PDB file of N, CA and C in Angstrom:
ATOM      1  N   MET A   1     154.838 119.588  78.582  1.00  0.00           N
ATOM      2  CA  MET A   1     153.578 119.441  79.255  1.00  0.00           C
ATOM      3  C   MET A   1     153.367 117.965  79.586  1.00  0.00           C
ATOM      4  N   ASP A   2     153.113 117.695  80.835  1.00  0.00           N
ATOM      5  CA  ASP A   2     152.910 116.331  81.307  1.00  0.00           C
ATOM      6  C   ASP A   2     151.422 116.120  81.558  1.00  0.00           C
ATOM      7  N   ILE A   3     150.788 115.292  80.718  1.00  0.00           N
ATOM      8  CA  ILE A   3     149.342 115.106  80.862  1.00  0.00           C
ATOM      9  C   ILE A   3     149.000 114.036  81.885  1.00  0.00           C
ATOM     10  N   ALA A   4     149.984 113.284  82.368  1.00  0.00           N
ATOM     11  CA  ALA A   4     149.722 112.225  83.329  1.00  0.00           C
ATOM     12  C   ALA A   4     149.202 112.790  84.648  1.00  0.00           C
ATOM     13  N   ASN A   5     149.605 113.988  85.004  1.00  0.00           N
ATOM     14  CA  ASN A   5     149.194 114.572  86.276  1.00  0.00           C
ATOM     15  C   ASN A   5     148.021 115.531  86.126  1.00  0.00           C
ATOM     16  N   SER A   6     147.468 115.616  84.963  1.00  0.00           N
ATOM     17  CA  SER A   6     146.365 116.529  84.720  1.00  0.00           C
ATOM     18  C   SER A   6     145.123 116.061  85.488  1.00  0.00           C
ATOM     19  N   THR A   7     144.426 116.990  86.115  1.00  0.00           N
ATOM     20  CA  THR A   7     143.226 116.646  86.877  1.00  0.00           C
ATOM     21  C   THR A   7     142.097 116.168  85.970  1.00  0.00           C
ATOM     22  N   SER A   8     142.028 116.719  84.771  1.00  0.00           N
ATOM     23  CA  SER A   8     140.967 116.288  83.862  1.00  0.00           C
ATOM     24  C   SER A   8     141.204 114.855  83.384  1.00  0.00           C
ATOM     25  N   VAL A   9     142.459 114.484  83.166  1.00  0.00           N
ATOM     26  CA  VAL A   9     142.762 113.102  82.776  1.00  0.00           C
ATOM     27  C   VAL A   9     142.418 112.159  83.927  1.00  0.00           C
ATOM     28  N   SER A  10     142.747 112.528  85.122  1.00  0.00           N
ATOM     29  CA  SER A  10     142.429 111.708  86.284  1.00  0.00           C
ATOM     30  C   SER A  10     140.919 111.570  86.453  1.00  0.00           C
ATOM     31  N   ALA A  11     140.190 112.646  86.235  1.00  0.00           N
ATOM     32  CA  ALA A  11     138.739 112.604  86.364  1.00  0.00           C
ATOM     33  C   ALA A  11     138.129 111.658  85.341  1.00  0.00           C
ATOM     34  N   VAL A  12     138.610 111.698  84.107  1.00  0.00           N
ATOM     35  CA  VAL A  12     138.098 110.816  83.061  1.00  0.00           C
ATOM     36  C   VAL A  12     138.408 109.364  83.392  1.00  0.00           C
ATOM     37  N   LEU A  13     139.608 109.098  83.863  1.00  0.00           N
ATOM     38  CA  LEU A  13     139.980 107.728  84.214  1.00  0.00           C
ATOM     39  C   LEU A  13     139.127 107.209  85.365  1.00  0.00           C
ATOM     40  N   ASN A  14     138.892 108.040  86.367  1.00  0.00           N
ATOM     41  CA  ASN A  14     138.064 107.624  87.499  1.00  0.00           C
ATOM     42  C   ASN A  14     136.627 107.358  87.067  1.00  0.00           C
ATOM     43  N   GLN A  15     136.117 108.187  86.168  1.00  0.00           N
ATOM     44  CA  GLN A  15     134.757 107.994  85.682  1.00  0.00           C
ATOM     45  C   GLN A  15     134.660 106.688  84.888  1.00  0.00           C
ATOM     46  N   THR A  16     135.645 106.419  84.064  1.00  0.00           N
ATOM     47  CA  THR A  16     135.647 105.194  83.264  1.00  0.00           C
ATOM     48  C   THR A  16     135.709 103.966  84.163  1.00  0.00           C
ATOM     49  N   GLN A  17     136.537 104.023  85.190  1.00  0.00           N
ATOM     50  CA  GLN A  17     136.646 102.899  86.118  1.00  0.00           C
ATOM     51  C   GLN A  17     135.339 102.713  86.882  1.00  0.00           C
ATOM     52  N   GLY A  18     134.673 103.807  87.231  1.00  0.00           N
ATOM     53  CA  GLY A  18     133.396 103.722  87.925  1.00  0.00           C
ATOM     54  C   GLY A  18     132.327 103.095  87.054  1.00  0.00           C
ATOM     55  N   GLU A  19     132.296 103.463  85.777  1.00  0.00           N
ATOM     56  CA  GLU A  19     131.319 102.887  84.851  1.00  0.00           C
ATOM     57  C   GLU A  19     131.577 101.399  84.654  1.00  0.00           C
ATOM     58  N   THR A  20     132.853 101.013  84.595  1.00  0.00           N
ATOM     59  CA  THR A  20     133.197  99.603  84.442  1.00  0.00           C
ATOM     60  C   THR A  20     132.771  98.819  85.681  1.00  0.00           C
ATOM     61  N   ALA A  21     133.000  99.389  86.859  1.00  0.00           N
ATOM     62  CA  ALA A  21     132.598  98.721  88.092  1.00  0.00           C
ATOM     63  C   ALA A  21     131.073  98.571  88.146  1.00  0.00           C
ATOM     64  N   ASP A  22     130.349  99.589  87.708  1.00  0.00           N
ATOM     65  CA  ASP A  22     128.885  99.508  87.679  1.00  0.00           C
ATOM     66  C   ASP A  22     128.416  98.403  86.729  1.00  0.00           C
ATOM     67  N   ALA A  23     129.059  98.306  85.582  1.00  0.00           N
ATOM     68  CA  ALA A  23     128.682  97.281  84.615  1.00  0.00           C
ATOM     69  C   ALA A  23     128.953  95.886  85.177  1.00  0.00           C
ATOM     70  N   VAL A  24     130.068  95.722  85.856  1.00  0.00           N
ATOM     71  CA  VAL A  24     130.396  94.423  86.452  1.00  0.00           C
ATOM     72  C   VAL A  24     129.392  94.087  87.550  1.00  0.00           C
ATOM     73  N   ASN A  25     129.039  95.065  88.368  1.00  0.00           N
ATOM     74  CA  ASN A  25     128.061  94.830  89.433  1.00  0.00           C
ATOM     75  C   ASN A  25     126.705  94.414  88.861  1.00  0.00           C
ATOM     76  N   LEU A  26     126.271  95.056  87.783  1.00  0.00           N
ATOM     77  CA  LEU A  26     125.004  94.684  87.149  1.00  0.00           C
ATOM     78  C   LEU A  26     125.062  93.274  86.563  1.00  0.00           C
ATOM     79  N   LEU A  27     126.196  92.926  85.984  1.00  0.00           N
ATOM     80  CA  LEU A  27     126.345  91.590  85.422  1.00  0.00           C
ATOM     81  C   LEU A  27     126.262  90.527  86.513  1.00  0.00           C
ATOM     82  N   VAL A  28     126.906  90.785  87.644  1.00  0.00           N
ATOM     83  CA  VAL A  28     126.854  89.838  88.762  1.00  0.00           C
ATOM     84  C   VAL A  28     125.438  89.741  89.310  1.00  0.00           C
ATOM     85  N   LEU A  29     124.747  90.871  89.423  1.00  0.00           N
ATOM     86  CA  LEU A  29     123.370  90.866  89.905  1.00  0.00           C
ATOM     87  C   LEU A  29     122.467  90.066  88.979  1.00  0.00           C
ATOM     88  N   ARG A  30     122.596  90.263  87.673  1.00  0.00           N
ATOM     89  CA  ARG A  30     121.766  89.518  86.719  1.00  0.00           C
ATOM     90  C   ARG A  30     122.031  88.027  86.818  1.00  0.00           C
ATOM     91  N   LYS A  31     123.301  87.651  86.952  1.00  0.00           N
ATOM     92  CA  LYS A  31     123.639  86.234  87.047  1.00  0.00           C
ATOM     93  C   LYS A  31     123.055  85.631  88.329  1.00  0.00           C
ATOM     94  N   ALA A  32     123.122  86.374  89.439  1.00  0.00           N
ATOM     95  CA  ALA A  32     122.557  85.889  90.698  1.00  0.00           C
ATOM     96  C   ALA A  32     121.046  85.729  90.591  1.00  0.00           C
ATOM     97  N   LEU A  33     120.371  86.673  89.948  1.00  0.00           N
ATOM     98  CA  LEU A  33     118.924  86.571  89.772  1.00  0.00           C
ATOM     99  C   LEU A  33     118.551  85.390  88.881  1.00  0.00           C
ATOM    100  N   ASP A  34     119.348  85.144  87.843  1.00  0.00           N
ATOM    101  CA  ASP A  34     119.089  83.998  86.976  1.00  0.00           C
ATOM    102  C   ASP A  34     119.236  82.686  87.738  1.00  0.00           C
ATOM    103  N   ILE A  35     120.257  82.597  88.584  1.00  0.00           N
ATOM    104  CA  ILE A  35     120.481  81.389  89.368  1.00  0.00           C
ATOM    105  C   ILE A  35     119.333  81.182  90.357  1.00  0.00           C
ATOM    106  N   GLN A  36     118.874  82.254  90.990  1.00  0.00           N
ATOM    107  CA  GLN A  36     117.760  82.150  91.930  1.00  0.00           C
ATOM    108  C   GLN A  36     116.475  81.737  91.229  1.00  0.00           C
ATOM    109  N   SER A  37     116.219  82.298  90.062  1.00  0.00           N
ATOM    110  CA  SER A  37     114.989  81.927  89.351  1.00  0.00           C
ATOM    111  C   SER A  37     115.048  80.480  88.889  1.00  0.00           C
ATOM    112  N   GLN A  38     116.222  80.023  88.487  1.00  0.00           N
ATOM    113  CA  GLN A  38     116.367  78.630  88.079  1.00  0.00           C
ATOM    114  C   GLN A  38     116.127  77.702  89.275  1.00  0.00           C
ATOM    115  N   GLY A  39     116.655  78.066  90.431  1.00  0.00           N
ATOM    116  CA  GLY A  39     116.439  77.262  91.634  1.00  0.00           C
ATOM    117  C   GLY A  39     114.977  77.231  92.038  1.00  0.00           C
ATOM    118  N   ALA A  40     114.297  78.365  91.918  1.00  0.00           N
ATOM    119  CA  ALA A  40     112.874  78.417  92.257  1.00  0.00           C
ATOM    120  C   ALA A  40     112.062  77.543  91.304  1.00  0.00           C
ATOM    121  N   MET A  41     112.390  77.567  90.029  1.00  0.00           N
ATOM    122  CA  MET A  41     111.673  76.731  89.066  1.00  0.00           C
ATOM    123  C   MET A  41     111.908  75.241  89.348  1.00  0.00           C
ATOM    124  N   GLU A  42     113.121  74.883  89.744  1.00  0.00           N
ATOM    125  CA  GLU A  42     113.396  73.487  90.070  1.00  0.00           C
ATOM    126  C   GLU A  42     112.595  73.049  91.294  1.00  0.00           C
ATOM    127  N   LEU A  43     112.479  73.937  92.288  1.00  0.00           N
ATOM    128  CA  LEU A  43     111.678  73.614  93.468  1.00  0.00           C
ATOM    129  C   LEU A  43     110.202  73.451  93.113  1.00  0.00           C
ATOM    130  N   LEU A  44     109.691  74.338  92.271  1.00  0.00           N
ATOM    131  CA  LEU A  44     108.289  74.233  91.852  1.00  0.00           C
ATOM    132  C   LEU A  44     108.040  72.961  91.051  1.00  0.00           C
ATOM    133  N   ASN A  45     108.984  72.589  90.211  1.00  0.00           N
ATOM    134  CA  ASN A  45     108.825  71.371  89.409  1.00  0.00           C
ATOM    135  C   ASN A  45     108.940  70.115  90.258  1.00  0.00           C
ATOM    136  N   ALA A  46     109.601  70.217  91.417  1.00  0.00           N
ATOM    137  CA  ALA A  46     109.772  69.059  92.290  1.00  0.00           C
ATOM    138  C   ALA A  46     108.536  68.784  93.138  1.00  0.00           C
ATOM    139  N   LEU A  47     107.593  69.725  93.198  1.00  0.00           N
ATOM    140  CA  LEU A  47     106.378  69.519  93.977  1.00  0.00           C
ATOM    141  C   LEU A  47     105.548  68.390  93.367  1.00  0.00           C
ATOM    142  N   PRO A  48     104.924  67.570  94.229  1.00  0.00           N
ATOM    143  CA  PRO A  48     104.081  66.504  93.667  1.00  0.00           C
ATOM    144  C   PRO A  48     102.828  67.094  93.023  1.00  0.00           C
ATOM    145  N   GLN A  49     102.362  66.439  91.996  1.00  0.00           N
ATOM    146  CA  GLN A  49     101.156  66.882  91.298  1.00  0.00           C
ATOM    147  C   GLN A  49      99.930  66.547  92.149  1.00  0.00           C
ATOM    148  N   PRO A  50      98.936  67.441  92.196  1.00  0.00           N
ATOM    149  CA  PRO A  50      97.732  67.138  92.974  1.00  0.00           C
ATOM    150  C   PRO A  50      96.963  65.990  92.327  1.00  0.00           C
ATOM    151  N   PRO A  51      96.252  65.217  93.137  1.00  0.00           N
ATOM    152  CA  PRO A  51      95.496  64.099  92.560  1.00  0.00           C
ATOM    153  C   PRO A  51      94.366  64.611  91.668  1.00  0.00           C
ATOM    154  N   ALA A  52      94.025  63.818  90.700  1.00  0.00           N
ATOM    155  CA  ALA A  52      92.952  64.193  89.774  1.00  0.00           C
ATOM    156  C   ALA A  52      91.605  64.137  90.490  1.00  0.00           C
ATOM    157  N   LEU A  53      90.690  64.975  90.087  1.00  0.00           N
ATOM    158  CA  LEU A  53      89.350  64.982  90.661  1.00  0.00           C
ATOM    159  C   LEU A  53      88.572  63.762  90.194  1.00  0.00           C
ATOM    160  N   ALA A  54      87.642  63.350  91.043  1.00  0.00           N
ATOM    161  CA  ALA A  54      86.816  62.189  90.707  1.00  0.00           C
ATOM    162  C   ALA A  54      85.901  62.537  89.540  1.00  0.00           C
ATOM    163  N   THR A  55      85.753  61.599  88.623  1.00  0.00           N
ATOM    164  CA  THR A  55      84.867  61.811  87.472  1.00  0.00           C
ATOM    165  C   THR A  55      83.656  60.891  87.510  1.00  0.00           C
ATOM    166  N   GLU A  56      83.689  59.872  88.392  1.00  0.00           N
ATOM    167  CA  GLU A  56      82.548  58.959  88.508  1.00  0.00           C
ATOM    168  C   GLU A  56      82.370  58.564  89.964  1.00  0.00           C
ATOM    169  N   GLY A  57      81.223  58.070  90.298  1.00  0.00           N
ATOM    170  CA  GLY A  57      80.921  57.700  91.674  1.00  0.00           C
ATOM    171  C   GLY A  57      80.292  58.877  92.413  1.00  0.00           C
ATOM    172  N   SER A  58      79.973  58.645  93.701  1.00  0.00           N
ATOM    173  CA  SER A  58      79.277  59.683  94.456  1.00  0.00           C
ATOM    174  C   SER A  58      80.221  60.501  95.336  1.00  0.00           C
ATOM    175  N   LEU A  59      81.450  60.064  95.507  1.00  0.00           N
ATOM    176  CA  LEU A  59      82.389  60.803  96.361  1.00  0.00           C
ATOM    177  C   LEU A  59      83.290  61.728  95.527  1.00  0.00           C
ATOM    178  N   GLY A  60      83.443  62.930  96.022  1.00  0.00           N
ATOM    179  CA  GLY A  60      84.402  63.853  95.406  1.00  0.00           C
ATOM    180  C   GLY A  60      83.912  64.585  94.190  1.00  0.00           C
ATOM    181  N   ARG A  61      82.634  64.458  93.834  1.00  0.00           N
ATOM    182  CA  ARG A  61      82.134  65.129  92.646  1.00  0.00           C
ATOM    183  C   ARG A  61      81.240  66.294  92.971  1.00  0.00           C
ATOM    184  N   ASN A  62      80.519  66.248  94.060  1.00  0.00           N
ATOM    185  CA  ASN A  62      79.533  67.274  94.390  1.00  0.00           C
ATOM    186  C   ASN A  62      80.000  68.076  95.588  1.00  0.00           C
ATOM    187  N   VAL A  63      79.833  69.366  95.525  1.00  0.00           N
ATOM    188  CA  VAL A  63      80.169  70.248  96.625  1.00  0.00           C
ATOM    189  C   VAL A  63      78.910  71.007  96.994  1.00  0.00           C
ATOM    190  N   ASN A  64      78.564  71.014  98.284  1.00  0.00           N
ATOM    191  CA  ASN A  64      77.394  71.733  98.748  1.00  0.00           C
ATOM    192  C   ASN A  64      77.801  73.190  98.965  1.00  0.00           C
ATOM    193  N   VAL A  65      77.456  74.049  98.018  1.00  0.00           N
ATOM    194  CA  VAL A  65      77.873  75.457  98.102  1.00  0.00           C
ATOM    195  C   VAL A  65      76.944  76.279  98.985  1.00  0.00           C
ATOM    196  N   TYR A  66      75.821  75.687  99.436  1.00  0.00           N
ATOM    197  CA  TYR A  66      74.884  76.405 100.299  1.00  0.00           C
ATOM    198  C   TYR A  66      75.183  76.196 101.782  1.00  0.00           C
ATOM    199  N   ALA A  67      76.072  75.324 102.110  1.00  0.00           N
ATOM    200  CA  ALA A  67      76.361  75.013 103.516  1.00  0.00           C
ATOM    201  C   ALA A  67      77.065  76.151 104.209  1.00  0.00           C
TER     202      ALA A  67
END
C-alpha cells in the first residue's frame, strides 16, 4: 500500500500548507500595521506644540461668547 498517492494524505497536506500560508499572511499584516502606527505616532510627535494661552494682560484671555 502506497500512502504517498492517497487523496486523504494530499488533502491533509494541502490543508496544513493553507493554514501555514494564512498564519504567515497574518504575521505580515500585523507587522505592516505596527510599522504604520509607529510612523503615524512619529508624525504626530513631530507637530509643533500650540502656544500657551495668555494668563495676564487684556489680550487673549476673554472671549465674547454672545457675539
